[in-house]
Amino acid sequence: MNCKLGEAQRLAMALRALLVGLSQGVVFGLADTASAEYFAAAARALVTPDVLGAP
């Protein structure tokens, strides 16, 4: 059970960092060229075993 909790915490932290970075990029005008597909791919990459650990 703790393993799943750790995975969820790491995923939540990574997704929060991604969204904070995106919002800062939008505010500062740096994310105009980044497509929605780019951010979706980044979010999908965060749920890989390399990030979350082995299932």
PDB file of N, CA and C in Angstrom:
ATOM      1  N   MET A   1       0.820  -1.195   0.000  1.00  0.00           N
ATOM      2  CA  MET A   1       0.000   0.000   0.000  1.00  0.00           C
ATOM      3  C   MET A   1       0.865   1.260   0.000  1.00  0.00           C
ATOM      4  N   ASN A   2       1.931   1.271   0.784  1.00  0.00           N
ATOM      5  CA  ASN A   2       2.805   2.438   0.826  1.00  0.00           C
ATOM      6  C   ASN A   2       3.463   2.692  -0.512  1.00  0.00           C
ATOM      7  N   CYS A   3       3.730   1.626  -1.257  1.00  0.00           N
ATOM      8  CA  CYS A   3       4.345   1.771  -2.577  1.00  0.00           C
ATOM      9  C   CYS A   3       3.436   2.588  -3.501  1.00  0.00           C
ATOM     10  N   LYS A   4       2.161   2.277  -3.509  1.00  0.00           N
ATOM     11  CA  LYS A   4       1.205   3.007  -4.347  1.00  0.00           C
ATOM     12  C   LYS A   4       1.069   4.451  -3.885  1.00  0.00           C
ATOM     13  N   LEU A   5       1.122   4.665  -2.573  1.00  0.00           N
ATOM     14  CA  LEU A   5       1.039   6.016  -2.042  1.00  0.00           C
ATOM     15  C   LEU A   5       2.249   6.829  -2.496  1.00  0.00           C
ATOM     16  N   GLY A   6       3.428   6.227  -2.463  1.00  0.00           N
ATOM     17  CA  GLY A   6       4.641   6.903  -2.915  1.00  0.00           C
ATOM     18  C   GLY A   6       4.565   7.248  -4.389  1.00  0.00           C
ATOM     19  N   GLU A   7       4.026   6.334  -5.187  1.00  0.00           N
ATOM     20  CA  GLU A   7       3.857   6.594  -6.616  1.00  0.00           C
ATOM     21  C   GLU A   7       2.916   7.767  -6.843  1.00  0.00           C
ATOM     22  N   ALA A   8       1.825   7.773  -6.117  1.00  0.00           N
ATOM     23  CA  ALA A   8       0.846   8.847  -6.269  1.00  0.00           C
ATOM     24  C   ALA A   8       1.448  10.186  -5.860  1.00  0.00           C
ATOM     25  N   GLN A   9       2.234  10.182  -4.812  1.00  0.00           N
ATOM     26  CA  GLN A   9       2.866  11.427  -4.365  1.00  0.00           C
ATOM     27  C   GLN A   9       3.869  11.928  -5.392  1.00  0.00           C
ATOM     28  N   ARG A  10       4.673  11.032  -5.952  1.00  0.00           N
ATOM     29  CA  ARG A  10       5.650  11.445  -6.969  1.00  0.00           C
ATOM     30  C   ARG A  10       4.951  11.963  -8.214  1.00  0.00           C
ATOM     31  N   LEU A  11       3.875  11.299  -8.622  1.00  0.00           N
ATOM     32  CA  LEU A  11       3.134  11.743  -9.793  1.00  0.00           C
ATOM     33  C   LEU A  11       2.498  13.107  -9.547  1.00  0.00           C
ATOM     34  N   ALA A  12       1.896  13.271  -8.383  1.00  0.00           N
ATOM     35  CA  ALA A  12       1.268  14.556  -8.067  1.00  0.00           C
ATOM     36  C   ALA A  12       2.297  15.677  -8.063  1.00  0.00           C
ATOM     37  N   MET A  13       3.469  15.431  -7.496  1.00  0.00           N
ATOM     38  CA  MET A  13       4.505  16.448  -7.458  1.00  0.00           C
ATOM     39  C   MET A  13       4.997  16.786  -8.870  1.00  0.00           C
ATOM     40  N   ALA A  14       5.174  15.769  -9.696  1.00  0.00           N
ATOM     41  CA  ALA A  14       5.648  15.995 -11.061  1.00  0.00           C
ATOM     42  C   ALA A  14       4.608  16.743 -11.898  1.00  0.00           C
ATOM     43  N   LEU A  15       3.354  16.363 -11.769  1.00  0.00           N
ATOM     44  CA  LEU A  15       2.305  17.062 -12.516  1.00  0.00           C
ATOM     45  C   LEU A  15       2.159  18.500 -12.042  1.00  0.00           C
ATOM     46  N   ARG A  16       2.292  18.714 -10.754  1.00  0.00           N
ATOM     47  CA  ARG A  16       2.230  20.088 -10.223  1.00  0.00           C
ATOM     48  C   ARG A  16       3.363  20.921 -10.795  1.00  0.00           C
ATOM     49  N   ALA A  17       4.557  20.357 -10.832  1.00  0.00           N
ATOM     50  CA  ALA A  17       5.704  21.086 -11.388  1.00  0.00           C
ATOM     51  C   ALA A  17       5.482  21.406 -12.859  1.00  0.00           C
ATOM     52  N   LEU A  18       4.920  20.463 -13.601  1.00  0.00           N
ATOM     53  CA  LEU A  18       4.631  20.695 -15.014  1.00  0.00           C
ATOM     54  C   LEU A  18       3.624  21.827 -15.184  1.00  0.00           C
ATOM     55  N   LEU A  19       2.557  21.800 -14.400  1.00  0.00           N
ATOM     56  CA  LEU A  19       1.528  22.833 -14.518  1.00  0.00           C
ATOM     57  C   LEU A  19       2.027  24.191 -14.054  1.00  0.00           C
ATOM     58  N   VAL A  20       2.848  24.226 -13.017  1.00  0.00           N
ATOM     59  CA  VAL A  20       3.429  25.492 -12.567  1.00  0.00           C
ATOM     60  C   VAL A  20       4.329  26.051 -13.663  1.00  0.00           C
ATOM     61  N   GLY A  21       5.153  25.190 -14.245  1.00  0.00           N
ATOM     62  CA  GLY A  21       6.027  25.642 -15.326  1.00  0.00           C
ATOM     63  C   GLY A  21       5.240  26.162 -16.517  1.00  0.00           C
ATOM     64  N   LEU A  22       4.175  25.471 -16.861  1.00  0.00           N
ATOM     65  CA  LEU A  22       3.335  25.906 -17.974  1.00  0.00           C
ATOM     66  C   LEU A  22       2.704  27.256 -17.674  1.00  0.00           C
ATOM     67  N   SER A  23       2.151  27.394 -16.482  1.00  0.00           N
ATOM     68  CA  SER A  23       1.495  28.658 -16.147  1.00  0.00           C
ATOM     69  C   SER A  23       2.493  29.807 -16.115  1.00  0.00           C
ATOM     70  N   GLN A  24       3.685  29.571 -15.614  1.00  0.00           N
ATOM     71  CA  GLN A  24       4.705  30.617 -15.616  1.00  0.00           C
ATOM     72  C   GLN A  24       5.122  30.960 -17.041  1.00  0.00           C
ATOM     73  N   GLY A  25       5.230  29.952 -17.884  1.00  0.00           N
ATOM     74  CA  GLY A  25       5.577  30.199 -19.278  1.00  0.00           C
ATOM     75  C   GLY A  25       4.527  31.023 -19.991  1.00  0.00           C
ATOM     76  N   VAL A  26       3.267  30.763 -19.686  1.00  0.00           N
ATOM     77  CA  VAL A  26       2.182  31.531 -20.300  1.00  0.00           C
ATOM     78  C   VAL A  26       2.211  32.970 -19.797  1.00  0.00           C
ATOM     79  N   VAL A  27       2.369  33.141 -18.494  1.00  0.00           N
ATOM     80  CA  VAL A  27       2.391  34.480 -17.903  1.00  0.00           C
ATOM     81  C   VAL A  27       3.538  35.307 -18.476  1.00  0.00           C
ATOM     82  N   PHE A  28       4.705  34.695 -18.622  1.00  0.00           N
ATOM     83  CA  PHE A  28       5.875  35.430 -19.106  1.00  0.00           C
ATOM     84  C   PHE A  28       6.018  35.403 -20.625  1.00  0.00           C
ATOM     85  N   GLY A  29       5.042  34.806 -21.307  1.00  0.00           N
ATOM     86  CA  GLY A  29       5.059  34.788 -22.761  1.00  0.00           C
ATOM     87  C   GLY A  29       6.065  33.835 -23.365  1.00  0.00           C
ATOM     88  N   LEU A  30       6.483  32.836 -22.596  1.00  0.00           N
ATOM     89  CA  LEU A  30       7.488  31.899 -23.090  1.00  0.00           C
ATOM     90  C   LEU A  30       6.883  30.636 -23.681  1.00  0.00           C
ATOM     91  N   ALA A  31       5.595  30.412 -23.446  1.00  0.00           N
ATOM     92  CA  ALA A  31       4.972  29.156 -23.868  1.00  0.00           C
ATOM     93  C   ALA A  31       4.148  29.303 -25.138  1.00  0.00           C
ATOM     94  N   ASP A  32       4.277  30.436 -25.824  1.00  0.00           N
ATOM     95  CA  ASP A  32       3.480  30.634 -27.042  1.00  0.00           C
ATOM     96  C   ASP A  32       3.781  29.562 -28.086  1.00  0.00           C
ATOM     97  N   THR A  33       5.044  29.158 -28.179  1.00  0.00           N
ATOM     98  CA  THR A  33       5.437  28.224 -29.223  1.00  0.00           C
ATOM     99  C   THR A  33       5.258  26.766 -28.822  1.00  0.00           C
ATOM    100  N   ALA A  34       5.040  26.507 -27.543  1.00  0.00           N
ATOM    101  CA  ALA A  34       4.848  25.132 -27.088  1.00  0.00           C
ATOM    102  C   ALA A  34       3.398  24.731 -27.326  1.00  0.00           C
ATOM    103  N   SER A  35       3.218  23.625 -28.014  1.00  0.00           N
ATOM    104  CA  SER A  35       1.859  23.189 -28.342  1.00  0.00           C
ATOM    105  C   SER A  35       1.238  22.408 -27.182  1.00  0.00           C
ATOM    106  N   ALA A  36      -0.058  22.264 -27.258  1.00  0.00           N
ATOM    107  CA  ALA A  36      -0.762  21.462 -26.257  1.00  0.00           C
ATOM    108  C   ALA A  36      -0.279  20.020 -26.306  1.00  0.00           C
ATOM    109  N   GLU A  37       0.074  19.549 -27.496  1.00  0.00           N
ATOM    110  CA  GLU A  37       0.579  18.180 -27.633  1.00  0.00           C
ATOM    111  C   GLU A  37       1.879  17.997 -26.859  1.00  0.00           C
ATOM    112  N   TYR A  38       2.722  19.028 -26.857  1.00  0.00           N
ATOM    113  CA  TYR A  38       3.986  18.965 -26.121  1.00  0.00           C
ATOM    114  C   TYR A  38       3.720  18.751 -24.636  1.00  0.00           C
ATOM    115  N   PHE A  39       2.811  19.540 -24.067  1.00  0.00           N
ATOM    116  CA  PHE A  39       2.530  19.422 -22.644  1.00  0.00           C
ATOM    117  C   PHE A  39       1.817  18.112 -22.329  1.00  0.00           C
ATOM    118  N   ALA A  40       0.982  17.637 -23.233  1.00  0.00           N
ATOM    119  CA  ALA A  40       0.328  16.336 -23.030  1.00  0.00           C
ATOM    120  C   ALA A  40       1.365  15.221 -23.051  1.00  0.00           C
ATOM    121  N   ALA A  41       2.319  15.307 -23.964  1.00  0.00           N
ATOM    122  CA  ALA A  41       3.380  14.294 -24.031  1.00  0.00           C
ATOM    123  C   ALA A  41       4.237  14.332 -22.767  1.00  0.00           C
ATOM    124  N   ALA A  42       4.503  15.531 -22.266  1.00  0.00           N
ATOM    125  CA  ALA A  42       5.275  15.655 -21.032  1.00  0.00           C
ATOM    126  C   ALA A  42       4.515  15.034 -19.864  1.00  0.00           C
ATOM    127  N   ALA A  43       3.221  15.274 -19.798  1.00  0.00           N
ATOM    128  CA  ALA A  43       2.412  14.691 -18.726  1.00  0.00           C
ATOM    129  C   ALA A  43       2.382  13.169 -18.832  1.00  0.00           C
ATOM    130  N   ARG A  44       2.264  12.648 -20.056  1.00  0.00           N
ATOM    131  CA  ARG A  44       2.275  11.181 -20.247  1.00  0.00           C
ATOM    132  C   ARG A  44       3.620  10.597 -19.841  1.00  0.00           C
ATOM    133  N   ALA A  45       4.689  11.316 -20.116  1.00  0.00           N
ATOM    134  CA  ALA A  45       6.017  10.825 -19.762  1.00  0.00           C
ATOM    135  C   ALA A  45       6.183  10.690 -18.255  1.00  0.00           C
ATOM    136  N   LEU A  46       5.424  11.464 -17.503  1.00  0.00           N
ATOM    137  CA  LEU A  46       5.542  11.413 -16.046  1.00  0.00           C
ATOM    138  C   LEU A  46       4.939  10.158 -15.445  1.00  0.00           C
ATOM    139  N   VAL A  47       4.175   9.413 -16.193  1.00  0.00           N
ATOM    140  CA  VAL A  47       3.564   8.199 -15.643  1.00  0.00           C
ATOM    141  C   VAL A  47       4.272   6.937 -16.112  1.00  0.00           C
ATOM    142  N   THR A  48       5.494   7.076 -16.583  1.00  0.00           N
ATOM    143  CA  THR A  48       6.279   5.913 -17.002  1.00  0.00           C
ATOM    144  C   THR A  48       6.932   5.257 -15.787  1.00  0.00           C
ATOM    145  N   PRO A  49       7.300   3.990 -15.905  1.00  0.00           N
ATOM    146  CA  PRO A  49       7.983   3.307 -14.788  1.00  0.00           C
ATOM    147  C   PRO A  49       9.288   4.001 -14.382  1.00  0.00           C
ATOM    148  N   ASP A  50       9.955   4.674 -15.311  1.00  0.00           N
ATOM    149  CA  ASP A  50      11.187   5.383 -14.949  1.00  0.00           C
ATOM    150  C   ASP A  50      10.917   6.466 -13.916  1.00  0.00           C
ATOM    151  N   VAL A  51       9.750   7.076 -13.973  1.00  0.00           N
ATOM    152  CA  VAL A  51       9.407   8.135 -13.030  1.00  0.00           C
ATOM    153  C   VAL A  51       8.752   7.559 -11.789  1.00  0.00           C
ATOM    154  N   LEU A  52       7.767   6.705 -11.993  1.00  0.00           N
ATOM    155  CA  LEU A  52       6.995   6.180 -10.868  1.00  0.00           C
ATOM    156  C   LEU A  52       7.627   4.959 -10.201  1.00  0.00           C
ATOM    157  N   GLY A  53       8.530   4.318 -10.886  1.00  0.00           N
ATOM    158  CA  GLY A  53       9.076   3.071 -10.392  1.00  0.00           C
ATOM    159  C   GLY A  53       8.317   1.903 -10.988  1.00  0.00           C
ATOM    160  N   ALA A  54       8.855   0.735 -10.818  1.00  0.00           N
ATOM    161  CA  ALA A  54       8.232  -0.468 -11.377  1.00  0.00           C
ATOM    162  C   ALA A  54       6.887  -0.729 -10.716  1.00  0.00           C
ATOM    163  N   PRO A  55       5.932  -1.266 -11.497  1.00  0.00           N
ATOM    164  CA  PRO A  55       4.608  -1.553 -10.923  1.00  0.00           C
ATOM    165  C   PRO A  55       4.657  -2.664  -9.881  1.00  0.00           C
TER     166      PRO A  55
END
